[in-house]
């Protein structure tokens, strides 16, 4: 997997319940050989709707990039208002190696 395939920077749709928001994200993926699965994560840019969902208790979300979607978990906001995202399994973007 090349560095370009391991990272995604661009727009994604993050859905928590009935609320969906299009936001810029920066994500990366790595294969964990001991676990035999991919782990991916990164940050969503500051977005008031996403922050409101997080404050209301939303943690389980889906992340859609193009025609791919994957479950993820919202983490705590950073000092600039961005929100951490983590996921396990196939990432929501086309990465090398079938991920």
PDB file of N, CA and C in Angstrom:
ATOM      1  N   UNK A   1       0.859  -1.180   0.000  1.00  0.00           N
ATOM      2  CA  UNK A   1       0.000   0.000   0.000  1.00  0.00           C
ATOM      3  C   UNK A   1       0.893   1.227   0.000  1.00  0.00           C
ATOM      4  N   UNK A   2       0.650   2.150  -0.898  1.00  0.00           N
ATOM      5  CA  UNK A   2       1.441   3.373  -0.937  1.00  0.00           C
ATOM      6  C   UNK A   2       0.862   4.410   0.016  1.00  0.00           C
ATOM      7  N   UNK A   3       1.651   5.438   0.319  1.00  0.00           N
ATOM      8  CA  UNK A   3       1.167   6.502   1.205  1.00  0.00           C
ATOM      9  C   UNK A   3      -0.094   7.144   0.665  1.00  0.00           C
ATOM     10  N   UNK A   4      -0.190   7.284  -0.655  1.00  0.00           N
ATOM     11  CA  UNK A   4      -1.374   7.908  -1.250  1.00  0.00           C
ATOM     12  C   UNK A   4      -2.618   7.071  -0.992  1.00  0.00           C
ATOM     13  N   UNK A   5      -2.479   5.751  -1.004  1.00  0.00           N
ATOM     14  CA  UNK A   5      -3.611   4.866  -0.758  1.00  0.00           C
ATOM     15  C   UNK A   5      -3.965   4.787   0.719  1.00  0.00           C
ATOM     16  N   UNK A   6      -2.974   4.988   1.572  1.00  0.00           N
ATOM     17  CA  UNK A   6      -3.190   4.885   3.004  1.00  0.00           C
ATOM     18  C   UNK A   6      -3.883   6.105   3.583  1.00  0.00           C
ATOM     19  N   UNK A   7      -3.945   7.187   2.824  1.00  0.00           N
ATOM     20  CA  UNK A   7      -4.558   8.415   3.318  1.00  0.00           C
ATOM     21  C   UNK A   7      -5.675   8.885   2.404  1.00  0.00           C
ATOM     22  N   UNK A   8      -6.627   9.563   3.002  1.00  0.00           N
ATOM     23  CA  UNK A   8      -7.691  10.210   2.246  1.00  0.00           C
ATOM     24  C   UNK A   8      -7.883  11.604   2.823  1.00  0.00           C
ATOM     25  N   UNK A   9      -7.900  12.582   1.949  1.00  0.00           N
ATOM     26  CA  UNK A   9      -8.214  13.961   2.325  1.00  0.00           C
ATOM     27  C   UNK A   9      -9.265  14.454   1.360  1.00  0.00           C
ATOM     28  N   UNK A  10     -10.386  14.896   1.894  1.00  0.00           N
ATOM     29  CA  UNK A  10     -11.455  15.385   1.038  1.00  0.00           C
ATOM     30  C   UNK A  10     -12.781  15.386   1.775  1.00  0.00           C
ATOM     31  N   UNK A  11     -13.847  15.423   1.003  1.00  0.00           N
ATOM     32  CA  UNK A  11     -15.195  15.481   1.573  1.00  0.00           C
ATOM     33  C   UNK A  11     -15.707  14.082   1.914  1.00  0.00           C
ATOM     34  N   UNK A  12     -16.463  14.022   2.980  1.00  0.00           N
ATOM     35  CA  UNK A  12     -17.141  12.798   3.389  1.00  0.00           C
ATOM     36  C   UNK A  12     -18.490  13.192   3.965  1.00  0.00           C
ATOM     37  N   UNK A  13     -19.430  12.269   3.920  1.00  0.00           N
ATOM     38  CA  UNK A  13     -20.730  12.467   4.562  1.00  0.00           C
ATOM     39  C   UNK A  13     -20.734  11.625   5.827  1.00  0.00           C
ATOM     40  N   UNK A  14     -20.931  12.289   6.957  1.00  0.00           N
ATOM     41  CA  UNK A  14     -20.989  11.607   8.243  1.00  0.00           C
ATOM     42  C   UNK A  14     -22.436  11.622   8.703  1.00  0.00           C
ATOM     43  N   UNK A  15     -22.971  10.419   8.961  1.00  0.00           N
ATOM     44  CA  UNK A  15     -24.371  10.291   9.356  1.00  0.00           C
ATOM     45  C   UNK A  15     -24.457   9.748  10.773  1.00  0.00           C
ATOM     46  N   UNK A  16     -25.191  10.491  11.602  1.00  0.00           N
ATOM     47  CA  UNK A  16     -25.508  10.068  12.968  1.00  0.00           C
ATOM     48  C   UNK A  16     -27.025  10.067  13.071  1.00  0.00           C
ATOM     49  N   UNK A  17     -27.621   8.885  13.111  1.00  0.00           N
ATOM     50  CA  UNK A  17     -29.081   8.800  13.129  1.00  0.00           C
ATOM     51  C   UNK A  17     -29.659   9.353  11.840  1.00  0.00           C
ATOM     52  N   UNK A  18     -30.589  10.291  11.954  1.00  0.00           N
ATOM     53  CA  UNK A  18     -31.215  10.895  10.775  1.00  0.00           C
ATOM     54  C   UNK A  18     -30.474  12.127  10.274  1.00  0.00           C
ATOM     55  N   UNK A  19     -29.401  12.512  10.945  1.00  0.00           N
ATOM     56  CA  UNK A  19     -28.665  13.722  10.588  1.00  0.00           C
ATOM     57  C   UNK A  19     -27.413  13.363   9.806  1.00  0.00           C
ATOM     58  N   UNK A  20     -27.251  13.979   8.642  1.00  0.00           N
ATOM     59  CA  UNK A  20     -26.061  13.771   7.823  1.00  0.00           C
ATOM     60  C   UNK A  20     -25.419  15.121   7.557  1.00  0.00           C
ATOM     61  N   UNK A  21     -24.106  15.145   7.590  1.00  0.00           N
ATOM     62  CA  UNK A  21     -23.376  16.382   7.334  1.00  0.00           C
ATOM     63  C   UNK A  21     -22.218  16.073   6.391  1.00  0.00           C
ATOM     64  N   UNK A  22     -22.015  16.937   5.411  1.00  0.00           N
ATOM     65  CA  UNK A  22     -20.882  16.830   4.508  1.00  0.00           C
ATOM     66  C   UNK A  22     -19.769  17.697   5.088  1.00  0.00           C
ATOM     67  N   UNK A  23     -18.617  17.091   5.301  1.00  0.00           N
ATOM     68  CA  UNK A  23     -17.530  17.784   5.975  1.00  0.00           C
ATOM     69  C   UNK A  23     -16.191  17.306   5.416  1.00  0.00           C
ATOM     70  N   UNK A  24     -15.191  18.164   5.467  1.00  0.00           N
ATOM     71  CA  UNK A  24     -13.841  17.782   5.060  1.00  0.00           C
ATOM     72  C   UNK A  24     -13.244  16.876   6.126  1.00  0.00           C
ATOM     73  N   UNK A  25     -12.562  15.813   5.677  1.00  0.00           N
ATOM     74  CA  UNK A  25     -11.922  14.879   6.602  1.00  0.00           C
ATOM     75  C   UNK A  25     -10.491  14.626   6.167  1.00  0.00           C
ATOM     76  N   UNK A  26      -9.723  14.182   7.110  1.00  0.00           N
ATOM     77  CA  UNK A  26      -8.359  13.699   6.846  1.00  0.00           C
ATOM     78  C   UNK A  26      -8.238  12.374   7.574  1.00  0.00           C
ATOM     79  N   UNK A  27      -8.095  11.280   6.805  1.00  0.00           N
ATOM     80  CA  UNK A  27      -8.122   9.932   7.362  1.00  0.00           C
ATOM     81  C   UNK A  27      -6.918   9.132   6.888  1.00  0.00           C
ATOM     82  N   UNK A  28      -6.530   8.148   7.677  1.00  0.00           N
ATOM     83  CA  UNK A  28      -5.485   7.217   7.259  1.00  0.00           C
ATOM     84  C   UNK A  28      -5.861   5.816   7.720  1.00  0.00           C
ATOM     85  N   UNK A  29      -5.276   4.810   7.062  1.00  0.00           N
ATOM     86  CA  UNK A  29      -5.568   3.410   7.372  1.00  0.00           C
ATOM     87  C   UNK A  29      -4.261   2.655   7.542  1.00  0.00           C
ATOM     88  N   UNK A  30      -4.299   1.636   8.396  1.00  0.00           N
ATOM     89  CA  UNK A  30      -3.158   0.736   8.541  1.00  0.00           C
ATOM     90  C   UNK A  30      -3.685  -0.672   8.783  1.00  0.00           C
ATOM     91  N   UNK A  31      -2.931  -1.651   8.324  1.00  0.00           N
ATOM     92  CA  UNK A  31      -3.280  -3.043   8.545  1.00  0.00           C
ATOM     93  C   UNK A  31      -2.593  -3.517   9.817  1.00  0.00           C
ATOM     94  N   UNK A  32      -3.346  -4.137  10.702  1.00  0.00           N
ATOM     95  CA  UNK A  32      -2.812  -4.697  11.940  1.00  0.00           C
ATOM     96  C   UNK A  32      -2.663  -6.210  11.739  1.00  0.00           C
ATOM     97  N   UNK A  33      -1.444  -6.693  11.464  1.00  0.00           N
ATOM     98  CA  UNK A  33      -1.274  -8.108  11.133  1.00  0.00           C
ATOM     99  C   UNK A  33      -1.626  -9.061  12.279  1.00  0.00           C
ATOM    100  N   UNK A  34      -1.406  -8.657  13.508  1.00  0.00           N
ATOM    101  CA  UNK A  34      -1.735  -9.530  14.633  1.00  0.00           C
ATOM    102  C   UNK A  34      -3.249  -9.724  14.728  1.00  0.00           C
ATOM    103  N   UNK A  35      -3.996  -8.653  14.487  1.00  0.00           N
ATOM    104  CA  UNK A  35      -5.456  -8.717  14.526  1.00  0.00           C
ATOM    105  C   UNK A  35      -6.040  -9.236  13.228  1.00  0.00           C
ATOM    106  N   UNK A  36      -5.290  -9.078  12.130  1.00  0.00           N
ATOM    107  CA  UNK A  36      -5.780  -9.499  10.830  1.00  0.00           C
ATOM    108  C   UNK A  36      -6.848  -8.584  10.265  1.00  0.00           C
ATOM    109  N   UNK A  37      -6.812  -7.302  10.618  1.00  0.00           N
ATOM    110  CA  UNK A  37      -7.814  -6.362  10.109  1.00  0.00           C
ATOM    111  C   UNK A  37      -7.237  -4.954   9.994  1.00  0.00           C
ATOM    112  N   UNK A  38      -7.984  -4.130   9.272  1.00  0.00           N
ATOM    113  CA  UNK A  38      -7.599  -2.739   9.098  1.00  0.00           C
ATOM    114  C   UNK A  38      -8.156  -1.884  10.233  1.00  0.00           C
ATOM    115  N   UNK A  39      -7.401  -0.875  10.598  1.00  0.00           N
ATOM    116  CA  UNK A  39      -7.851   0.171  11.523  1.00  0.00           C
ATOM    117  C   UNK A  39      -7.630   1.493  10.806  1.00  0.00           C
ATOM    118  N   UNK A  40      -8.616   2.336  10.867  1.00  0.00           N
ATOM    119  CA  UNK A  40      -8.508   3.627  10.206  1.00  0.00           C
ATOM    120  C   UNK A  40      -9.070   4.707  11.115  1.00  0.00           C
ATOM    121  N   UNK A  41      -8.673   5.935  10.848  1.00  0.00           N
ATOM    122  CA  UNK A  41      -9.162   7.042  11.651  1.00  0.00           C
ATOM    123  C   UNK A  41      -8.552   8.345  11.220  1.00  0.00           C
ATOM    124  N   UNK A  42      -8.986   9.387  11.886  1.00  0.00           N
ATOM    125  CA  UNK A  42      -8.497  10.720  11.580  1.00  0.00           C
ATOM    126  C   UNK A  42      -9.406  11.757  12.199  1.00  0.00           C
ATOM    127  N   UNK A  43      -9.535  12.872  11.508  1.00  0.00           N
ATOM    128  CA  UNK A  43     -10.320  13.985  12.034  1.00  0.00           C
ATOM    129  C   UNK A  43     -11.232  14.573  10.973  1.00  0.00           C
ATOM    130  N   UNK A  44     -12.396  15.016  11.450  1.00  0.00           N
ATOM    131  CA  UNK A  44     -13.316  15.800  10.617  1.00  0.00           C
ATOM    132  C   UNK A  44     -13.058  17.269  10.933  1.00  0.00           C
ATOM    133  N   UNK A  45     -13.168  18.100   9.942  1.00  0.00           N
ATOM    134  CA  UNK A  45     -13.000  19.541  10.141  1.00  0.00           C
ATOM    135  C   UNK A  45     -14.111  20.073  11.048  1.00  0.00           C
ATOM    136  N   UNK A  46     -13.894  21.210  11.677  1.00  0.00           N
ATOM    137  CA  UNK A  46     -14.943  21.783  12.529  1.00  0.00           C
ATOM    138  C   UNK A  46     -16.256  21.956  11.771  1.00  0.00           C
ATOM    139  N   UNK A  47     -17.340  21.510  12.384  1.00  0.00           N
ATOM    140  CA  UNK A  47     -18.673  21.641  11.810  1.00  0.00           C
ATOM    141  C   UNK A  47     -19.662  21.693  12.962  1.00  0.00           C
ATOM    142  N   UNK A  48     -20.480  22.729  13.013  1.00  0.00           N
ATOM    143  CA  UNK A  48     -21.387  22.920  14.146  1.00  0.00           C
ATOM    144  C   UNK A  48     -22.419  21.795  14.264  1.00  0.00           C
ATOM    145  N   UNK A  49     -22.937  21.308  13.146  1.00  0.00           N
ATOM    146  CA  UNK A  49     -23.926  20.227  13.194  1.00  0.00           C
ATOM    147  C   UNK A  49     -23.305  18.953  13.763  1.00  0.00           C
ATOM    148  N   UNK A  50     -22.103  18.614  13.311  1.00  0.00           N
ATOM    149  CA  UNK A  50     -21.420  17.428  13.823  1.00  0.00           C
ATOM    150  C   UNK A  50     -21.090  17.595  15.308  1.00  0.00           C
ATOM    151  N   UNK A  51     -20.629  18.763  15.703  1.00  0.00           N
ATOM    152  CA  UNK A  51     -20.334  19.026  17.117  1.00  0.00           C
ATOM    153  C   UNK A  51     -21.593  18.923  17.973  1.00  0.00           C
ATOM    154  N   UNK A  52     -22.722  19.399  17.460  1.00  0.00           N
ATOM    155  CA  UNK A  52     -23.985  19.305  18.194  1.00  0.00           C
ATOM    156  C   UNK A  52     -24.389  17.842  18.372  1.00  0.00           C
ATOM    157  N   UNK A  53     -24.184  17.023  17.346  1.00  0.00           N
ATOM    158  CA  UNK A  53     -24.482  15.592  17.450  1.00  0.00           C
ATOM    159  C   UNK A  53     -23.616  14.949  18.534  1.00  0.00           C
ATOM    160  N   UNK A  54     -22.350  15.311  18.558  1.00  0.00           N
ATOM    161  CA  UNK A  54     -21.438  14.771  19.562  1.00  0.00           C
ATOM    162  C   UNK A  54     -21.872  15.194  20.966  1.00  0.00           C
ATOM    163  N   UNK A  55     -22.226  16.462  21.136  1.00  0.00           N
ATOM    164  CA  UNK A  55     -22.677  16.949  22.450  1.00  0.00           C
ATOM    165  C   UNK A  55     -23.961  16.263  22.899  1.00  0.00           C
ATOM    166  N   UNK A  56     -24.792  15.869  21.945  1.00  0.00           N
ATOM    167  CA  UNK A  56     -26.052  15.209  22.296  1.00  0.00           C
ATOM    168  C   UNK A  56     -25.865  13.728  22.620  1.00  0.00           C
ATOM    169  N   UNK A  57     -24.640  13.241  22.500  1.00  0.00           N
ATOM    170  CA  UNK A  57     -24.352  11.861  22.872  1.00  0.00           C
ATOM    171  C   UNK A  57     -24.122  10.908  21.716  1.00  0.00           C
ATOM    172  N   UNK A  58     -24.221  11.377  20.484  1.00  0.00           N
ATOM    173  CA  UNK A  58     -23.994  10.502  19.327  1.00  0.00           C
ATOM    174  C   UNK A  58     -22.535  10.059  19.306  1.00  0.00           C
ATOM    175  N   UNK A  59     -22.316   8.786  19.160  1.00  0.00           N
ATOM    176  CA  UNK A  59     -20.957   8.251  19.035  1.00  0.00           C
ATOM    177  C   UNK A  59     -20.845   7.352  17.807  1.00  0.00           C
ATOM    178  N   UNK A  60     -21.845   6.531  17.566  1.00  0.00           N
ATOM    179  CA  UNK A  60     -21.817   5.610  16.435  1.00  0.00           C
ATOM    180  C   UNK A  60     -22.339   6.320  15.185  1.00  0.00           C
ATOM    181  N   UNK A  61     -21.520   6.341  14.136  1.00  0.00           N
ATOM    182  CA  UNK A  61     -21.873   7.034  12.899  1.00  0.00           C
ATOM    183  C   UNK A  61     -21.497   6.153  11.712  1.00  0.00           C
ATOM    184  N   UNK A  62     -21.873   6.589  10.533  1.00  0.00           N
ATOM    185  CA  UNK A  62     -21.346   6.012   9.300  1.00  0.00           C
ATOM    186  C   UNK A  62     -20.640   7.114   8.540  1.00  0.00           C
ATOM    187  N   UNK A  63     -19.592   6.726   7.832  1.00  0.00           N
ATOM    188  CA  UNK A  63     -18.827   7.659   7.012  1.00  0.00           C
ATOM    189  C   UNK A  63     -18.942   7.184   5.575  1.00  0.00           C
ATOM    190  N   UNK A  64     -19.424   8.065   4.705  1.00  0.00           N
ATOM    191  CA  UNK A  64     -19.565   7.744   3.279  1.00  0.00           C
ATOM    192  C   UNK A  64     -18.631   8.639   2.473  1.00  0.00           C
ATOM    193  N   UNK A  65     -17.844   7.964   1.614  1.00  0.00           N
ATOM    194  CA  UNK A  65     -16.976   8.652   0.671  1.00  0.00           C
ATOM    195  C   UNK A  65     -17.258   8.034  -0.684  1.00  0.00           C
ATOM    196  N   UNK A  66     -17.841   8.814  -1.571  1.00  0.00           N
ATOM    197  CA  UNK A  66     -18.237   8.280  -2.868  1.00  0.00           C
ATOM    198  C   UNK A  66     -19.296   7.216  -2.691  1.00  0.00           C
ATOM    199  N   UNK A  67     -19.040   6.014  -3.230  1.00  0.00           N
ATOM    200  CA  UNK A  67     -20.019   4.928  -3.134  1.00  0.00           C
ATOM    201  C   UNK A  67     -19.697   3.936  -2.018  1.00  0.00           C
ATOM    202  N   UNK A  68     -18.730   4.274  -1.168  1.00  0.00           N
ATOM    203  CA  UNK A  68     -18.353   3.373  -0.069  1.00  0.00           C
ATOM    204  C   UNK A  68     -18.748   3.973   1.270  1.00  0.00           C
ATOM    205  N   UNK A  69     -19.152   3.105   2.171  1.00  0.00           N
ATOM    206  CA  UNK A  69     -19.595   3.545   3.490  1.00  0.00           C
ATOM    207  C   UNK A  69     -19.031   2.580   4.530  1.00  0.00           C
ATOM    208  N   UNK A  70     -18.694   3.110   5.703  1.00  0.00           N
ATOM    209  CA  UNK A  70     -18.173   2.271   6.782  1.00  0.00           C
ATOM    210  C   UNK A  70     -18.630   2.822   8.121  1.00  0.00           C
ATOM    211  N   UNK A  71     -18.867   1.926   9.087  1.00  0.00           N
ATOM    212  CA  UNK A  71     -19.211   2.393  10.434  1.00  0.00           C
ATOM    213  C   UNK A  71     -17.983   3.012  11.100  1.00  0.00           C
ATOM    214  N   UNK A  72     -18.210   3.998  11.940  1.00  0.00           N
ATOM    215  CA  UNK A  72     -17.125   4.676  12.655  1.00  0.00           C
ATOM    216  C   UNK A  72     -17.641   5.132  14.010  1.00  0.00           C
ATOM    217  N   UNK A  73     -16.728   5.630  14.793  1.00  0.00           N
ATOM    218  CA  UNK A  73     -17.064   6.131  16.121  1.00  0.00           C
ATOM    219  C   UNK A  73     -16.514   7.542  16.258  1.00  0.00           C
ATOM    220  N   UNK A  74     -17.351   8.451  16.775  1.00  0.00           N
ATOM    221  CA  UNK A  74     -16.911   9.806  17.050  1.00  0.00           C
ATOM    222  C   UNK A  74     -16.133   9.835  18.357  1.00  0.00           C
ATOM    223  N   UNK A  75     -15.043  10.593  18.362  1.00  0.00           N
ATOM    224  CA  UNK A  75     -14.262  10.796  19.573  1.00  0.00           C
ATOM    225  C   UNK A  75     -14.440  12.227  20.061  1.00  0.00           C
ATOM    226  N   UNK A  76     -13.601  12.619  20.951  1.00  0.00           N
ATOM    227  CA  UNK A  76     -13.696  13.957  21.529  1.00  0.00           C
ATOM    228  C   UNK A  76     -13.253  15.019  20.530  1.00  0.00           C
ATOM    229  N   UNK A  77     -13.799  16.224  20.653  1.00  0.00           N
ATOM    230  CA  UNK A  77     -13.364  17.308  19.767  1.00  0.00           C
ATOM    231  C   UNK A  77     -11.961  17.774  20.130  1.00  0.00           C
ATOM    232  N   UNK A  78     -11.251  18.275  19.133  1.00  0.00           N
ATOM    233  CA  UNK A  78      -9.936  18.840  19.392  1.00  0.00           C
ATOM    234  C   UNK A  78     -10.088  20.325  19.761  1.00  0.00           C
ATOM    235  N   UNK A  79      -9.028  20.992  20.148  1.00  0.00           N
ATOM    236  CA  UNK A  79      -9.133  22.396  20.569  1.00  0.00           C
ATOM    237  C   UNK A  79      -9.655  23.343  19.480  1.00  0.00           C
ATOM    238  N   UNK A  80      -9.593  22.928  18.228  1.00  0.00           N
ATOM    239  CA  UNK A  80     -10.033  23.769  17.125  1.00  0.00           C
ATOM    240  C   UNK A  80     -11.446  23.448  16.665  1.00  0.00           C
ATOM    241  N   UNK A  81     -12.098  22.480  17.310  1.00  0.00           N
ATOM    242  CA  UNK A  81     -13.478  22.148  16.979  1.00  0.00           C
ATOM    243  C   UNK A  81     -13.649  20.967  16.055  1.00  0.00           C
ATOM    244  N   UNK A  82     -12.550  20.367  15.581  1.00  0.00           N
ATOM    245  CA  UNK A  82     -12.642  19.159  14.765  1.00  0.00           C
ATOM    246  C   UNK A  82     -13.011  17.972  15.637  1.00  0.00           C
ATOM    247  N   UNK A  83     -13.490  16.899  15.019  1.00  0.00           N
ATOM    248  CA  UNK A  83     -13.925  15.718  15.758  1.00  0.00           C
ATOM    249  C   UNK A  83     -13.136  14.509  15.288  1.00  0.00           C
ATOM    250  N   UNK A  84     -12.637  13.720  16.222  1.00  0.00           N
ATOM    251  CA  UNK A  84     -11.883  12.505  15.922  1.00  0.00           C
ATOM    252  C   UNK A  84     -12.835  11.410  15.452  1.00  0.00           C
ATOM    253  N   UNK A  85     -12.401  10.652  14.436  1.00  0.00           N
ATOM    254  CA  UNK A  85     -13.138   9.507  13.895  1.00  0.00           C
ATOM    255  C   UNK A  85     -12.248   8.274  13.958  1.00  0.00           C
ATOM    256  N   UNK A  86     -12.813   7.136  14.347  1.00  0.00           N
ATOM    257  CA  UNK A  86     -12.071   5.879  14.309  1.00  0.00           C
ATOM    258  C   UNK A  86     -12.962   4.791  13.735  1.00  0.00           C
ATOM    259  N   UNK A  87     -12.337   3.865  13.020  1.00  0.00           N
ATOM    260  CA  UNK A  87     -13.076   2.753  12.449  1.00  0.00           C
ATOM    261  C   UNK A  87     -12.213   1.514  12.360  1.00  0.00           C
ATOM    262  N   UNK A  88     -12.859   0.375  12.250  1.00  0.00           N
ATOM    263  CA  UNK A  88     -12.187  -0.914  12.112  1.00  0.00           C
ATOM    264  C   UNK A  88     -12.775  -1.618  10.901  1.00  0.00           C
ATOM    265  N   UNK A  89     -11.920  -2.231  10.112  1.00  0.00           N
ATOM    266  CA  UNK A  89     -12.375  -2.931   8.917  1.00  0.00           C
ATOM    267  C   UNK A  89     -12.099  -2.105   7.670  1.00  0.00           C
ATOM    268  N   UNK A  90     -12.801  -2.443   6.618  1.00  0.00           N
ATOM    269  CA  UNK A  90     -12.599  -1.773   5.328  1.00  0.00           C
ATOM    270  C   UNK A  90     -12.851  -0.269   5.469  1.00  0.00           C
ATOM    271  N   UNK A  91     -11.900   0.572   5.045  1.00  0.00           N
ATOM    272  CA  UNK A  91     -12.113   2.019   5.132  1.00  0.00           C
ATOM    273  C   UNK A  91     -13.124   2.479   4.077  1.00  0.00           C
ATOM    274  N   UNK A  92     -13.690   3.667   4.257  1.00  0.00           N
ATOM    275  CA  UNK A  92     -14.697   4.148   3.316  1.00  0.00           C
ATOM    276  C   UNK A  92     -14.132   4.799   2.058  1.00  0.00           C
ATOM    277  N   UNK A  93     -12.878   4.566   1.741  1.00  0.00           N
ATOM    278  CA  UNK A  93     -12.298   5.016   0.472  1.00  0.00           C
ATOM    279  C   UNK A  93     -11.533   3.844  -0.120  1.00  0.00           C
ATOM    280  N   UNK A  94     -11.287   3.917  -1.387  1.00  0.00           N
ATOM    281  CA  UNK A  94     -10.599   2.818  -2.067  1.00  0.00           C
ATOM    282  C   UNK A  94      -9.105   2.905  -1.777  1.00  0.00           C
ATOM    283  N   UNK A  95      -8.633   1.929  -1.022  1.00  0.00           N
ATOM    284  CA  UNK A  95      -7.216   1.832  -0.698  1.00  0.00           C
ATOM    285  C   UNK A  95      -6.646   0.605  -1.405  1.00  0.00           C
ATOM    286  N   UNK A  96      -5.344   0.591  -1.596  1.00  0.00           N
ATOM    287  CA  UNK A  96      -4.691  -0.546  -2.242  1.00  0.00           C
ATOM    288  C   UNK A  96      -4.850  -1.795  -1.391  1.00  0.00           C
ATOM    289  N   UNK A  97      -4.681  -2.924  -1.975  1.00  0.00           N
ATOM    290  CA  UNK A  97      -4.741  -4.187  -1.229  1.00  0.00           C
ATOM    291  C   UNK A  97      -6.159  -4.632  -0.918  1.00  0.00           C
ATOM    292  N   UNK A  98      -7.146  -4.020  -1.564  1.00  0.00           N
ATOM    293  CA  UNK A  98      -8.516  -4.450  -1.354  1.00  0.00           C
ATOM    294  C   UNK A  98      -9.190  -3.842  -0.148  1.00  0.00           C
ATOM    295  N   UNK A  99      -8.499  -2.988   0.549  1.00  0.00           N
ATOM    296  CA  UNK A  99      -9.102  -2.378   1.742  1.00  0.00           C
ATOM    297  C   UNK A  99     -10.223  -1.443   1.373  1.00  0.00           C
TER     298      UNK A  99
END
